[in-house]
Amino acid sequence: MAKKVIKTDKAPTAIGPYSQGIVAGNFLFTSGQLPIDPITGKLVDGTIEDKAHIVFKNLAAIAESAGTTLDKAVKTTVFLSDITNFKEVNGVYSQYFKEPFPARSAFQVAALPLGADIEVEAIFEI
């Protein structure tokens, strides 16, 4: 199966040896997105809600670059440094994803790259 690398300036550039996204077959697989401003390349300050908005905007930019939208997400995985932020993140999440909602997993993790509070990866139908 041929794979296509997705790269957009509207989302943060990779900070390691990985792609923003890969299209394989009829699916887009994104790398985890941190709350990084794609213009400055730095983590944003603010509340967990502010950070979640940046994460979902970054995912949307990658999806758009691959020719799809957040409406076509079939699976998301949310990583949080503090699971007590789940309610707030869920509120932001529901502003970006609509019914039928994608399948989702959410985990508290010991640490995230760059000391981030949140990271989200997704799988989209193309």
PDB file of N, CA and C in Angstrom:
ATOM      1  N   MET A   1       0.853  -1.174   0.000  1.00  0.00           N
ATOM      2  CA  MET A   1       0.000   0.000   0.000  1.00  0.00           C
ATOM      3  C   MET A   1       0.900   1.238   0.000  1.00  0.00           C
ATOM      4  N   ALA A   2       0.626   2.145  -0.887  1.00  0.00           N
ATOM      5  CA  ALA A   2       1.388   3.391  -0.962  1.00  0.00           C
ATOM      6  C   ALA A   2       0.982   4.310   0.183  1.00  0.00           C
ATOM      7  N   LYS A   3       1.949   5.005   0.731  1.00  0.00           N
ATOM      8  CA  LYS A   3       1.699   5.970   1.799  1.00  0.00           C
ATOM      9  C   LYS A   3       2.044   7.362   1.290  1.00  0.00           C
ATOM     10  N   LYS A   4       1.291   8.341   1.773  1.00  0.00           N
ATOM     11  CA  LYS A   4       1.528   9.732   1.394  1.00  0.00           C
ATOM     12  C   LYS A   4       1.778  10.535   2.672  1.00  0.00           C
ATOM     13  N   VAL A   5       2.875  11.262   2.693  1.00  0.00           N
ATOM     14  CA  VAL A   5       3.204  12.110   3.837  1.00  0.00           C
ATOM     15  C   VAL A   5       2.406  13.404   3.750  1.00  0.00           C
ATOM     16  N   ILE A   6       1.834  13.810   4.876  1.00  0.00           N
ATOM     17  CA  ILE A   6       1.091  15.068   4.964  1.00  0.00           C
ATOM     18  C   ILE A   6       1.937  16.063   5.741  1.00  0.00           C
ATOM     19  N   LYS A   7       2.093  17.248   5.167  1.00  0.00           N
ATOM     20  CA  LYS A   7       2.853  18.303   5.823  1.00  0.00           C
ATOM     21  C   LYS A   7       2.173  19.627   5.526  1.00  0.00           C
ATOM     22  N   THR A   8       1.952  20.417   6.569  1.00  0.00           N
ATOM     23  CA  THR A   8       1.346  21.732   6.406  1.00  0.00           C
ATOM     24  C   THR A   8       2.027  22.735   7.331  1.00  0.00           C
ATOM     25  N   ASP A   9       2.135  23.961   6.874  1.00  0.00           N
ATOM     26  CA  ASP A   9       2.668  25.043   7.707  1.00  0.00           C
ATOM     27  C   ASP A   9       1.632  25.554   8.700  1.00  0.00           C
ATOM     28  N   LYS A  10       0.383  25.098   8.565  1.00  0.00           N
ATOM     29  CA  LYS A  10      -0.691  25.547   9.452  1.00  0.00           C
ATOM     30  C   LYS A  10      -0.736  24.754  10.759  1.00  0.00           C
ATOM     31  N   ALA A  11       0.166  23.789  10.898  1.00  0.00           N
ATOM     32  CA  ALA A  11       0.316  23.013  12.132  1.00  0.00           C
ATOM     33  C   ALA A  11       1.804  22.996  12.466  1.00  0.00           C
ATOM     34  N   PRO A  12       2.148  22.730  13.720  1.00  0.00           N
ATOM     35  CA  PRO A  12       3.562  22.741  14.097  1.00  0.00           C
ATOM     36  C   PRO A  12       4.373  21.728  13.299  1.00  0.00           C
ATOM     37  N   THR A  13       5.607  22.117  12.975  1.00  0.00           N
ATOM     38  CA  THR A  13       6.491  21.179  12.299  1.00  0.00           C
ATOM     39  C   THR A  13       6.892  20.088  13.289  1.00  0.00           C
ATOM     40  N   ALA A  14       7.247  18.947  12.778  1.00  0.00           N
ATOM     41  CA  ALA A  14       7.657  17.824  13.617  1.00  0.00           C
ATOM     42  C   ALA A  14       8.896  18.205  14.423  1.00  0.00           C
ATOM     43  N   ILE A  15       8.929  17.809  15.695  1.00  0.00           N
ATOM     44  CA  ILE A  15      10.081  18.086  16.542  1.00  0.00           C
ATOM     45  C   ILE A  15      10.962  16.846  16.680  1.00  0.00           C
ATOM     46  N   GLY A  16      10.779  15.913  15.787  1.00  0.00           N
ATOM     47  CA  GLY A  16      11.555  14.678  15.800  1.00  0.00           C
ATOM     48  C   GLY A  16      11.407  13.963  14.478  1.00  0.00           C
ATOM     49  N   PRO A  17      11.864  12.718  14.427  1.00  0.00           N
ATOM     50  CA  PRO A  17      11.797  11.951  13.180  1.00  0.00           C
ATOM     51  C   PRO A  17      10.416  11.306  12.970  1.00  0.00           C
ATOM     52  N   TYR A  18       9.436  12.139  12.665  1.00  0.00           N
ATOM     53  CA  TYR A  18       8.085  11.660  12.381  1.00  0.00           C
ATOM     54  C   TYR A  18       7.394  12.642  11.453  1.00  0.00           C
ATOM     55  N   SER A  19       6.253  12.223  10.926  1.00  0.00           N
ATOM     56  CA  SER A  19       5.450  13.058  10.028  1.00  0.00           C
ATOM     57  C   SER A  19       4.263  13.626  10.785  1.00  0.00           C
ATOM     58  N   GLN A  20       3.766  14.784  10.349  1.00  0.00           N
ATOM     59  CA  GLN A  20       2.539  15.328  10.930  1.00  0.00           C
ATOM     60  C   GLN A  20       1.392  14.341  10.719  1.00  0.00           C
ATOM     61  N   GLY A  21       1.375  13.739   9.549  1.00  0.00           N
ATOM     62  CA  GLY A  21       0.339  12.763   9.225  1.00  0.00           C
ATOM     63  C   GLY A  21       0.777  11.886   8.077  1.00  0.00           C
ATOM     64  N   ILE A  22       0.161  10.735   7.995  1.00  0.00           N
ATOM     65  CA  ILE A  22       0.395   9.785   6.909  1.00  0.00           C
ATOM     66  C   ILE A  22      -0.957   9.304   6.406  1.00  0.00           C
ATOM     67  N   VAL A  23      -1.150   9.369   5.093  1.00  0.00           N
ATOM     68  CA  VAL A  23      -2.339   8.776   4.482  1.00  0.00           C
ATOM     69  C   VAL A  23      -1.950   7.378   4.023  1.00  0.00           C
ATOM     70  N   ALA A  24      -2.709   6.409   4.467  1.00  0.00           N
ATOM     71  CA  ALA A  24      -2.533   5.016   4.054  1.00  0.00           C
ATOM     72  C   ALA A  24      -3.917   4.489   3.706  1.00  0.00           C
ATOM     73  N   GLY A  25      -4.074   4.055   2.472  1.00  0.00           N
ATOM     74  CA  GLY A  25      -5.403   3.627   2.030  1.00  0.00           C
ATOM     75  C   GLY A  25      -6.360   4.798   2.100  1.00  0.00           C
ATOM     76  N   ASN A  26      -7.501   4.572   2.737  1.00  0.00           N
ATOM     77  CA  ASN A  26      -8.525   5.620   2.861  1.00  0.00           C
ATOM     78  C   ASN A  26      -8.504   6.307   4.214  1.00  0.00           C
ATOM     79  N   PHE A  27      -7.346   6.248   4.894  1.00  0.00           N
ATOM     80  CA  PHE A  27      -7.273   6.814   6.238  1.00  0.00           C
ATOM     81  C   PHE A  27      -6.073   7.734   6.395  1.00  0.00           C
ATOM     82  N   LEU A  28      -6.261   8.772   7.206  1.00  0.00           N
ATOM     83  CA  LEU A  28      -5.196   9.659   7.638  1.00  0.00           C
ATOM     84  C   LEU A  28      -4.906   9.340   9.097  1.00  0.00           C
ATOM     85  N   PHE A  29      -3.637   9.103   9.392  1.00  0.00           N
ATOM     86  CA  PHE A  29      -3.181   8.867  10.758  1.00  0.00           C
ATOM     87  C   PHE A  29      -2.319  10.061  11.156  1.00  0.00           C
ATOM     88  N   THR A  30      -2.715  10.785  12.199  1.00  0.00           N
ATOM     89  CA  THR A  30      -1.919  11.940  12.613  1.00  0.00           C
ATOM     90  C   THR A  30      -0.988  11.557  13.751  1.00  0.00           C
ATOM     91  N   SER A  31       0.121  12.269  13.817  1.00  0.00           N
ATOM     92  CA  SER A  31       0.965  12.194  15.001  1.00  0.00           C
ATOM     93  C   SER A  31       0.268  12.980  16.098  1.00  0.00           C
ATOM     94  N   GLY A  32       0.646  12.711  17.333  1.00  0.00           N
ATOM     95  CA  GLY A  32       0.076  13.455  18.448  1.00  0.00           C
ATOM     96  C   GLY A  32       0.385  14.936  18.315  1.00  0.00           C
ATOM     97  N   GLN A  33      -0.622  15.748  18.562  1.00  0.00           N
ATOM     98  CA  GLN A  33      -0.469  17.197  18.477  1.00  0.00           C
ATOM     99  C   GLN A  33      -0.448  17.795  19.876  1.00  0.00           C
ATOM    100  N   LEU A  34       0.583  18.577  20.121  1.00  0.00           N
ATOM    101  CA  LEU A  34       0.723  19.310  21.365  1.00  0.00           C
ATOM    102  C   LEU A  34       0.144  20.713  21.180  1.00  0.00           C
ATOM    103  N   PRO A  35      -0.053  21.453  22.267  1.00  0.00           N
ATOM    104  CA  PRO A  35      -0.553  22.827  22.131  1.00  0.00           C
ATOM    105  C   PRO A  35       0.564  23.788  21.722  1.00  0.00           C
ATOM    106  N   ILE A  36       1.060  23.576  20.523  1.00  0.00           N
ATOM    107  CA  ILE A  36       2.134  24.402  19.980  1.00  0.00           C
ATOM    108  C   ILE A  36       1.557  25.348  18.940  1.00  0.00           C
ATOM    109  N   ASP A  37       1.897  26.613  19.083  1.00  0.00           N
ATOM    110  CA  ASP A  37       1.504  27.613  18.092  1.00  0.00           C
ATOM    111  C   ASP A  37       2.333  27.351  16.833  1.00  0.00           C
ATOM    112  N   PRO A  38       1.673  27.100  15.693  1.00  0.00           N
ATOM    113  CA  PRO A  38       2.432  26.786  14.482  1.00  0.00           C
ATOM    114  C   PRO A  38       3.284  27.946  13.967  1.00  0.00           C
ATOM    115  N   ILE A  39       2.986  29.162  14.362  1.00  0.00           N
ATOM    116  CA  ILE A  39       3.755  30.318  13.912  1.00  0.00           C
ATOM    117  C   ILE A  39       5.043  30.476  14.733  1.00  0.00           C
ATOM    118  N   THR A  40       4.901  30.395  16.053  1.00  0.00           N
ATOM    119  CA  THR A  40       6.074  30.603  16.920  1.00  0.00           C
ATOM    120  C   THR A  40       6.841  29.311  17.172  1.00  0.00           C
ATOM    121  N   GLY A  41       6.163  28.166  17.029  1.00  0.00           N
ATOM    122  CA  GLY A  41       6.802  26.892  17.338  1.00  0.00           C
ATOM    123  C   GLY A  41       6.950  26.639  18.829  1.00  0.00           C
ATOM    124  N   LYS A  42       6.232  27.414  19.634  1.00  0.00           N
ATOM    125  CA  LYS A  42       6.337  27.281  21.091  1.00  0.00           C
ATOM    126  C   LYS A  42       5.009  26.849  21.695  1.00  0.00           C
ATOM    127  N   LEU A  43       5.108  26.167  22.848  1.00  0.00           N
ATOM    128  CA  LEU A  43       3.899  25.816  23.586  1.00  0.00           C
ATOM    129  C   LEU A  43       3.159  27.089  23.978  1.00  0.00           C
ATOM    130  N   VAL A  44       1.831  27.051  23.900  1.00  0.00           N
ATOM    131  CA  VAL A  44       1.034  28.210  24.309  1.00  0.00           C
ATOM    132  C   VAL A  44       0.844  28.200  25.823  1.00  0.00           C
ATOM    133  N   ASP A  45       0.706  29.387  26.378  1.00  0.00           N
ATOM    134  CA  ASP A  45       0.361  29.535  27.790  1.00  0.00           C
ATOM    135  C   ASP A  45      -1.152  29.597  27.896  1.00  0.00           C
ATOM    136  N   GLY A  46      -1.642  29.507  29.113  1.00  0.00           N
ATOM    137  CA  GLY A  46      -3.073  29.653  29.338  1.00  0.00           C
ATOM    138  C   GLY A  46      -3.660  28.455  30.033  1.00  0.00           C
ATOM    139  N   THR A  47      -4.979  28.417  30.009  1.00  0.00           N
ATOM    140  CA  THR A  47      -5.720  27.340  30.663  1.00  0.00           C
ATOM    141  C   THR A  47      -5.642  26.061  29.827  1.00  0.00           C
ATOM    142  N   ILE A  48      -6.075  24.967  30.401  1.00  0.00           N
ATOM    143  CA  ILE A  48      -6.128  23.710  29.645  1.00  0.00           C
ATOM    144  C   ILE A  48      -7.094  23.848  28.467  1.00  0.00           C
ATOM    145  N   GLU A  49      -8.138  24.679  28.622  1.00  0.00           N
ATOM    146  CA  GLU A  49      -9.057  24.914  27.505  1.00  0.00           C
ATOM    147  C   GLU A  49      -8.341  25.638  26.363  1.00  0.00           C
ATOM    148  N   ASP A  50      -7.551  26.655  26.693  1.00  0.00           N
ATOM    149  CA  ASP A  50      -6.783  27.379  25.671  1.00  0.00           C
ATOM    150  C   ASP A  50      -5.869  26.416  24.919  1.00  0.00           C
ATOM    151  N   LYS A  51      -5.214  25.550  25.660  1.00  0.00           N
ATOM    152  CA  LYS A  51      -4.284  24.591  25.070  1.00  0.00           C
ATOM    153  C   LYS A  51      -5.020  23.566  24.205  1.00  0.00           C
ATOM    154  N   ALA A  52      -6.183  23.111  24.672  1.00  0.00           N
ATOM    155  CA  ALA A  52      -6.967  22.139  23.899  1.00  0.00           C
ATOM    156  C   ALA A  52      -7.425  22.748  22.573  1.00  0.00           C
ATOM    157  N   HIS A  53      -7.826  24.008  22.585  1.00  0.00           N
ATOM    158  CA  HIS A  53      -8.230  24.675  21.330  1.00  0.00           C
ATOM    159  C   HIS A  53      -7.093  24.636  20.313  1.00  0.00           C
ATOM    160  N   ILE A  54      -5.874  24.920  20.744  1.00  0.00           N
ATOM    161  CA  ILE A  54      -4.728  24.903  19.825  1.00  0.00           C
ATOM    162  C   ILE A  54      -4.510  23.494  19.282  1.00  0.00           C
ATOM    163  N   VAL A  55      -4.596  22.502  20.149  1.00  0.00           N
ATOM    164  CA  VAL A  55      -4.416  21.108  19.718  1.00  0.00           C
ATOM    165  C   VAL A  55      -5.426  20.741  18.638  1.00  0.00           C
ATOM    166  N   PHE A  56      -6.694  21.061  18.850  1.00  0.00           N
ATOM    167  CA  PHE A  56      -7.724  20.679  17.880  1.00  0.00           C
ATOM    168  C   PHE A  56      -7.615  21.495  16.594  1.00  0.00           C
ATOM    169  N   LYS A  57      -7.180  22.742  16.692  1.00  0.00           N
ATOM    170  CA  LYS A  57      -6.944  23.531  15.475  1.00  0.00           C
ATOM    171  C   LYS A  57      -5.787  22.936  14.678  1.00  0.00           C
ATOM    172  N   ASN A  58      -4.753  22.461  15.363  1.00  0.00           N
ATOM    173  CA  ASN A  58      -3.632  21.822  14.684  1.00  0.00           C
ATOM    174  C   ASN A  58      -4.082  20.530  13.994  1.00  0.00           C
ATOM    175  N   LEU A  59      -4.896  19.732  14.672  1.00  0.00           N
ATOM    176  CA  LEU A  59      -5.429  18.516  14.048  1.00  0.00           C
ATOM    177  C   LEU A  59      -6.275  18.862  12.822  1.00  0.00           C
ATOM    178  N   ALA A  60      -7.090  19.901  12.944  1.00  0.00           N
ATOM    179  CA  ALA A  60      -7.934  20.315  11.815  1.00  0.00           C
ATOM    180  C   ALA A  60      -7.086  20.739  10.624  1.00  0.00           C
ATOM    181  N   ALA A  61      -5.974  21.434  10.878  1.00  0.00           N
ATOM    182  CA  ALA A  61      -5.099  21.881   9.788  1.00  0.00           C
ATOM    183  C   ALA A  61      -4.469  20.694   9.070  1.00  0.00           C
ATOM    184  N   ILE A  62      -4.062  19.695   9.818  1.00  0.00           N
ATOM    185  CA  ILE A  62      -3.476  18.499   9.201  1.00  0.00           C
ATOM    186  C   ILE A  62      -4.538  17.761   8.398  1.00  0.00           C
ATOM    187  N   ALA A  63      -5.734  17.628   8.966  1.00  0.00           N
ATOM    188  CA  ALA A  63      -6.829  16.958   8.255  1.00  0.00           C
ATOM    189  C   ALA A  63      -7.132  17.685   6.949  1.00  0.00           C
ATOM    190  N   GLU A  64      -7.239  19.012   7.012  1.00  0.00           N
ATOM    191  CA  GLU A  64      -7.533  19.809   5.819  1.00  0.00           C
ATOM    192  C   GLU A  64      -6.450  19.618   4.753  1.00  0.00           C
ATOM    193  N   SER A  65      -5.211  19.581   5.193  1.00  0.00           N
ATOM    194  CA  SER A  65      -4.100  19.392   4.259  1.00  0.00           C
ATOM    195  C   SER A  65      -4.176  18.044   3.544  1.00  0.00           C
ATOM    196  N   ALA A  66      -4.802  17.068   4.202  1.00  0.00           N
ATOM    197  CA  ALA A  66      -4.953  15.735   3.617  1.00  0.00           C
ATOM    198  C   ALA A  66      -6.260  15.598   2.840  1.00  0.00           C
ATOM    199  N   GLY A  67      -7.071  16.656   2.824  1.00  0.00           N
ATOM    200  CA  GLY A  67      -8.332  16.605   2.083  1.00  0.00           C
ATOM    201  C   GLY A  67      -9.494  16.052   2.874  1.00  0.00           C
ATOM    202  N   THR A  68      -9.427  16.151   4.199  1.00  0.00           N
ATOM    203  CA  THR A  68     -10.532  15.675   5.028  1.00  0.00           C
ATOM    204  C   THR A  68     -10.844  16.734   6.087  1.00  0.00           C
ATOM    205  N   THR A  69     -11.737  16.426   7.012  1.00  0.00           N
ATOM    206  CA  THR A  69     -12.147  17.373   8.043  1.00  0.00           C
ATOM    207  C   THR A  69     -12.310  16.646   9.370  1.00  0.00           C
ATOM    208  N   LEU A  70     -12.448  17.432  10.432  1.00  0.00           N
ATOM    209  CA  LEU A  70     -12.680  16.835  11.753  1.00  0.00           C
ATOM    210  C   LEU A  70     -13.949  15.985  11.765  1.00  0.00           C
ATOM    211  N   ASP A  71     -14.920  16.318  10.923  1.00  0.00           N
ATOM    212  CA  ASP A  71     -16.164  15.541  10.854  1.00  0.00           C
ATOM    213  C   ASP A  71     -15.927  14.098  10.417  1.00  0.00           C
ATOM    214  N   LYS A  72     -14.779  13.844   9.794  1.00  0.00           N
ATOM    215  CA  LYS A  72     -14.469  12.497   9.307  1.00  0.00           C
ATOM    216  C   LYS A  72     -13.549  11.730  10.252  1.00  0.00           C
ATOM    217  N   ALA A  73     -13.325  12.271  11.455  1.00  0.00           N
ATOM    218  CA  ALA A  73     -12.514  11.554  12.445  1.00  0.00           C
ATOM    219  C   ALA A  73     -13.252  10.287  12.878  1.00  0.00           C
ATOM    220  N   VAL A  74     -12.518   9.189  12.936  1.00  0.00           N
ATOM    221  CA  VAL A  74     -13.123   7.928  13.380  1.00  0.00           C
ATOM    222  C   VAL A  74     -12.579   7.475  14.729  1.00  0.00           C
ATOM    223  N   LYS A  75     -11.400   8.006  15.118  1.00  0.00           N
ATOM    224  CA  LYS A  75     -10.798   7.611  16.404  1.00  0.00           C
ATOM    225  C   LYS A  75      -9.872   8.716  16.878  1.00  0.00           C
ATOM    226  N   THR A  76      -9.962   9.053  18.147  1.00  0.00           N
ATOM    227  CA  THR A  76      -9.022   9.985  18.752  1.00  0.00           C
ATOM    228  C   THR A  76      -8.453   9.362  20.014  1.00  0.00           C
ATOM    229  N   THR A  77      -7.260   9.780  20.360  1.00  0.00           N
ATOM    230  CA  THR A  77      -6.645   9.391  21.624  1.00  0.00           C
ATOM    231  C   THR A  77      -6.151  10.666  22.290  1.00  0.00           C
ATOM    232  N   VAL A  78      -6.600  10.878  23.520  1.00  0.00           N
ATOM    233  CA  VAL A  78      -6.266  12.068  24.289  1.00  0.00           C
ATOM    234  C   VAL A  78      -5.323  11.659  25.419  1.00  0.00           C
ATOM    235  N   PHE A  79      -4.187  12.338  25.488  1.00  0.00           N
ATOM    236  CA  PHE A  79      -3.213  12.106  26.549  1.00  0.00           C
ATOM    237  C   PHE A  79      -3.170  13.357  27.415  1.00  0.00           C
ATOM    238  N   LEU A  80      -3.345  13.194  28.712  1.00  0.00           N
ATOM    239  CA  LEU A  80      -3.344  14.322  29.647  1.00  0.00           C
ATOM    240  C   LEU A  80      -2.307  14.089  30.736  1.00  0.00           C
ATOM    241  N   SER A  81      -1.622  15.136  31.122  1.00  0.00           N
ATOM    242  CA  SER A  81      -0.689  15.009  32.240  1.00  0.00           C
ATOM    243  C   SER A  81      -1.436  14.988  33.566  1.00  0.00           C
ATOM    244  N   ASP A  82      -2.706  15.431  33.563  1.00  0.00           N
ATOM    245  CA  ASP A  82      -3.540  15.434  34.767  1.00  0.00           C
ATOM    246  C   ASP A  82      -4.980  15.122  34.352  1.00  0.00           C
ATOM    247  N   ILE A  83      -5.446  13.932  34.696  1.00  0.00           N
ATOM    248  CA  ILE A  83      -6.778  13.472  34.273  1.00  0.00           C
ATOM    249  C   ILE A  83      -7.895  14.335  34.872  1.00  0.00           C
ATOM    250  N   THR A  84      -7.592  15.105  35.917  1.00  0.00           N
ATOM    251  CA  THR A  84      -8.640  15.979  36.454  1.00  0.00           C
ATOM    252  C   THR A  84      -9.007  17.085  35.464  1.00  0.00           C
ATOM    253  N   ASN A  85      -8.210  17.265  34.417  1.00  0.00           N
ATOM    254  CA  ASN A  85      -8.535  18.231  33.358  1.00  0.00           C
ATOM    255  C   ASN A  85      -9.493  17.650  32.316  1.00  0.00           C
ATOM    256  N   PHE A  86      -9.893  16.397  32.485  1.00  0.00           N
ATOM    257  CA  PHE A  86     -10.718  15.725  31.480  1.00  0.00           C
ATOM    258  C   PHE A  86     -12.018  16.476  31.199  1.00  0.00           C
ATOM    259  N   LYS A  87     -12.706  16.946  32.224  1.00  0.00           N
ATOM    260  CA  LYS A  87     -13.993  17.634  32.032  1.00  0.00           C
ATOM    261  C   LYS A  87     -13.822  18.883  31.162  1.00  0.00           C
ATOM    262  N   GLU A  88     -12.803  19.671  31.448  1.00  0.00           N
ATOM    263  CA  GLU A  88     -12.569  20.887  30.680  1.00  0.00           C
ATOM    264  C   GLU A  88     -12.199  20.570  29.230  1.00  0.00           C
ATOM    265  N   VAL A  89     -11.337  19.583  29.055  1.00  0.00           N
ATOM    266  CA  VAL A  89     -10.950  19.172  27.702  1.00  0.00           C
ATOM    267  C   VAL A  89     -12.160  18.628  26.953  1.00  0.00           C
ATOM    268  N   ASN A  90     -13.002  17.870  27.640  1.00  0.00           N
ATOM    269  CA  ASN A  90     -14.206  17.324  27.020  1.00  0.00           C
ATOM    270  C   ASN A  90     -15.117  18.438  26.511  1.00  0.00           C
ATOM    271  N   GLY A  91     -15.211  19.526  27.266  1.00  0.00           N
ATOM    272  CA  GLY A  91     -16.016  20.671  26.829  1.00  0.00           C
ATOM    273  C   GLY A  91     -15.494  21.279  25.541  1.00  0.00           C
ATOM    274  N   VAL A  92     -14.171  21.397  25.426  1.00  0.00           N
ATOM    275  CA  VAL A  92     -13.573  21.928  24.198  1.00  0.00           C
ATOM    276  C   VAL A  92     -13.723  20.921  23.067  1.00  0.00           C
ATOM    277  N   TYR A  93     -13.483  19.657  23.372  1.00  0.00           N
ATOM    278  CA  TYR A  93     -13.585  18.573  22.392  1.00  0.00           C
ATOM    279  C   TYR A  93     -14.948  18.620  21.685  1.00  0.00           C
ATOM    280  N   SER A  94     -16.010  18.825  22.466  1.00  0.00           N
ATOM    281  CA  SER A  94     -17.369  18.812  21.898  1.00  0.00           C
ATOM    282  C   SER A  94     -17.636  20.019  20.993  1.00  0.00           C
ATOM    283  N   GLN A  95     -16.758  21.019  21.008  1.00  0.00           N
ATOM    284  CA  GLN A  95     -16.890  22.146  20.089  1.00  0.00           C
ATOM    285  C   GLN A  95     -16.293  21.834  18.718  1.00  0.00           C
ATOM    286  N   TYR A  96     -15.441  20.816  18.652  1.00  0.00           N
ATOM    287  CA  TYR A  96     -14.747  20.472  17.413  1.00  0.00           C
ATOM    288  C   TYR A  96     -15.271  19.184  16.770  1.00  0.00           C
ATOM    289  N   PHE A  97     -15.762  18.269  17.585  1.00  0.00           N
ATOM    290  CA  PHE A  97     -16.253  16.990  17.066  1.00  0.00           C
ATOM    291  C   PHE A  97     -17.744  16.886  17.346  1.00  0.00           C
ATOM    292  N   LYS A  98     -18.496  16.510  16.314  1.00  0.00           N
ATOM    293  CA  LYS A  98     -19.956  16.432  16.409  1.00  0.00           C
ATOM    294  C   LYS A  98     -20.417  14.984  16.224  1.00  0.00           C
ATOM    295  N   GLU A  99     -21.684  14.728  16.525  1.00  0.00           N
ATOM    296  CA  GLU A  99     -22.248  13.388  16.348  1.00  0.00           C
ATOM    297  C   GLU A  99     -22.285  13.016  14.879  1.00  0.00           C
ATOM    298  N   PRO A 100     -22.022  11.795  14.540  1.00  0.00           N
ATOM    299  CA  PRO A 100     -21.576  10.732  15.448  1.00  0.00           C
ATOM    300  C   PRO A 100     -20.120  10.968  15.852  1.00  0.00           C
ATOM    301  N   PHE A 101     -19.895  11.039  17.162  1.00  0.00           N
ATOM    302  CA  PHE A 101     -18.558  11.312  17.670  1.00  0.00           C
ATOM    303  C   PHE A 101     -17.606  10.179  17.318  1.00  0.00           C
ATOM    304  N   PRO A 102     -16.331  10.518  17.112  1.00  0.00           N
ATOM    305  CA  PRO A 102     -15.357   9.450  16.874  1.00  0.00           C
ATOM    306  C   PRO A 102     -15.182   8.611  18.142  1.00  0.00           C
ATOM    307  N   ALA A 103     -14.753   7.371  17.957  1.00  0.00           N
ATOM    308  CA  ALA A 103     -14.368   6.567  19.111  1.00  0.00           C
ATOM    309  C   ALA A 103     -13.207   7.305  19.780  1.00  0.00           C
ATOM    310  N   ARG A 104     -13.063   7.130  21.107  1.00  0.00           N
ATOM    311  CA  ARG A 104     -12.030   7.888  21.804  1.00  0.00           C
ATOM    312  C   ARG A 104     -11.501   7.119  22.995  1.00  0.00           C
ATOM    313  N   SER A 105     -10.227   7.293  23.247  1.00  0.00           N
ATOM    314  CA  SER A 105      -9.591   6.845  24.478  1.00  0.00           C
ATOM    315  C   SER A 105      -8.964   8.068  25.120  1.00  0.00           C
ATOM    316  N   ALA A 106      -8.882   8.085  26.446  1.00  0.00           N
ATOM    317  CA  ALA A 106      -8.227   9.183  27.155  1.00  0.00           C
ATOM    318  C   ALA A 106      -7.420   8.592  28.304  1.00  0.00           C
ATOM    319  N   PHE A 107      -6.204   9.087  28.451  1.00  0.00           N
ATOM    320  CA  PHE A 107      -5.284   8.561  29.460  1.00  0.00           C
ATOM    321  C   PHE A 107      -4.577   9.684  30.196  1.00  0.00           C
ATOM    322  N   GLN A 108      -4.291   9.437  31.472  1.00  0.00           N
ATOM    323  CA  GLN A 108      -3.332  10.274  32.166  1.00  0.00           C
ATOM    324  C   GLN A 108      -1.976   9.622  31.967  1.00  0.00           C
ATOM    325  N   VAL A 109      -0.988  10.426  31.632  1.00  0.00           N
ATOM    326  CA  VAL A 109       0.360   9.921  31.403  1.00  0.00           C
ATOM    327  C   VAL A 109       1.322  10.618  32.363  1.00  0.00           C
ATOM    328  N   ALA A 110       2.471  10.000  32.583  1.00  0.00           N
ATOM    329  CA  ALA A 110       3.448  10.556  33.515  1.00  0.00           C
ATOM    330  C   ALA A 110       4.032  11.863  33.006  1.00  0.00           C
ATOM    331  N   ALA A 111       4.246  11.955  31.702  1.00  0.00           N
ATOM    332  CA  ALA A 111       4.825  13.171  31.126  1.00  0.00           C
ATOM    333  C   ALA A 111       4.566  13.186  29.629  1.00  0.00           C
ATOM    334  N   LEU A 112       4.558  14.385  29.065  1.00  0.00           N
ATOM    335  CA  LEU A 112       4.401  14.584  27.621  1.00  0.00           C
ATOM    336  C   LEU A 112       5.594  15.388  27.109  1.00  0.00           C
ATOM    337  N   PRO A 113       5.886  15.298  25.810  1.00  0.00           N
ATOM    338  CA  PRO A 113       7.005  16.060  25.260  1.00  0.00           C
ATOM    339  C   PRO A 113       6.896  17.551  25.571  1.00  0.00           C
ATOM    340  N   LEU A 114       8.033  18.163  25.804  1.00  0.00           N
ATOM    341  CA  LEU A 114       8.159  19.600  26.067  1.00  0.00           C
ATOM    342  C   LEU A 114       7.435  20.041  27.340  1.00  0.00           C
ATOM    343  N   GLY A 115       7.014  19.089  28.175  1.00  0.00           N
ATOM    344  CA  GLY A 115       6.300  19.427  29.397  1.00  0.00           C
ATOM    345  C   GLY A 115       4.858  19.831  29.165  1.00  0.00           C
ATOM    346  N   ALA A 116       4.294  19.440  28.018  1.00  0.00           N
ATOM    347  CA  ALA A 116       2.907  19.800  27.675  1.00  0.00           C
ATOM    348  C   ALA A 116       1.914  19.138  28.625  1.00  0.00           C
ATOM    349  N   ASP A 117       0.709  19.726  28.693  1.00  0.00           N
ATOM    350  CA  ASP A 117      -0.377  19.196  29.520  1.00  0.00           C
ATOM    351  C   ASP A 117      -1.298  18.261  28.744  1.00  0.00           C
ATOM    352  N   ILE A 118      -1.294  18.381  27.412  1.00  0.00           N
ATOM    353  CA  ILE A 118      -2.239  17.645  26.577  1.00  0.00           C
ATOM    354  C   ILE A 118      -1.580  17.307  25.241  1.00  0.00           C
ATOM    355  N   GLU A 119      -1.936  16.146  24.715  1.00  0.00           N
ATOM    356  CA  GLU A 119      -1.542  15.731  23.368  1.00  0.00           C
ATOM    357  C   GLU A 119      -2.704  14.897  22.828  1.00  0.00           C
ATOM    358  N   VAL A 120      -3.029  15.084  21.559  1.00  0.00           N
ATOM    359  CA  VAL A 120      -4.119  14.333  20.940  1.00  0.00           C
ATOM    360  C   VAL A 120      -3.670  13.854  19.564  1.00  0.00           C
ATOM    361  N   GLU A 121      -3.965  12.585  19.285  1.00  0.00           N
ATOM    362  CA  GLU A 121      -3.750  12.029  17.960  1.00  0.00           C
ATOM    363  C   GLU A 121      -5.092  11.564  17.419  1.00  0.00           C
ATOM    364  N   ALA A 122      -5.188  11.412  16.099  1.00  0.00           N
ATOM    365  CA  ALA A 122      -6.478  11.049  15.507  1.00  0.00           C
ATOM    366  C   ALA A 122      -6.290  10.233  14.241  1.00  0.00           C
ATOM    367  N   ILE A 123      -7.336   9.504  13.920  1.00  0.00           N
ATOM    368  CA  ILE A 123      -7.436   8.770  12.658  1.00  0.00           C
ATOM    369  C   ILE A 123      -8.675   9.289  11.946  1.00  0.00           C
ATOM    370  N   PHE A 124      -8.506   9.625  10.664  1.00  0.00           N
ATOM    371  CA  PHE A 124      -9.587  10.191   9.864  1.00  0.00           C
ATOM    372  C   PHE A 124      -9.855   9.319   8.641  1.00  0.00           C
ATOM    373  N   GLU A 125     -11.099   9.292   8.225  1.00  0.00           N
ATOM    374  CA  GLU A 125     -11.460   8.717   6.942  1.00  0.00           C
ATOM    375  C   GLU A 125     -11.204   9.796   5.885  1.00  0.00           C
ATOM    376  N   ILE A 126     -10.665   9.382   4.757  1.00  0.00           N
ATOM    377  CA  ILE A 126     -10.404  10.327   3.662  1.00  0.00           C
ATOM    378  C   ILE A 126     -11.566  10.271   2.688  1.00  0.00           C
TER     379      ILE A 126
END
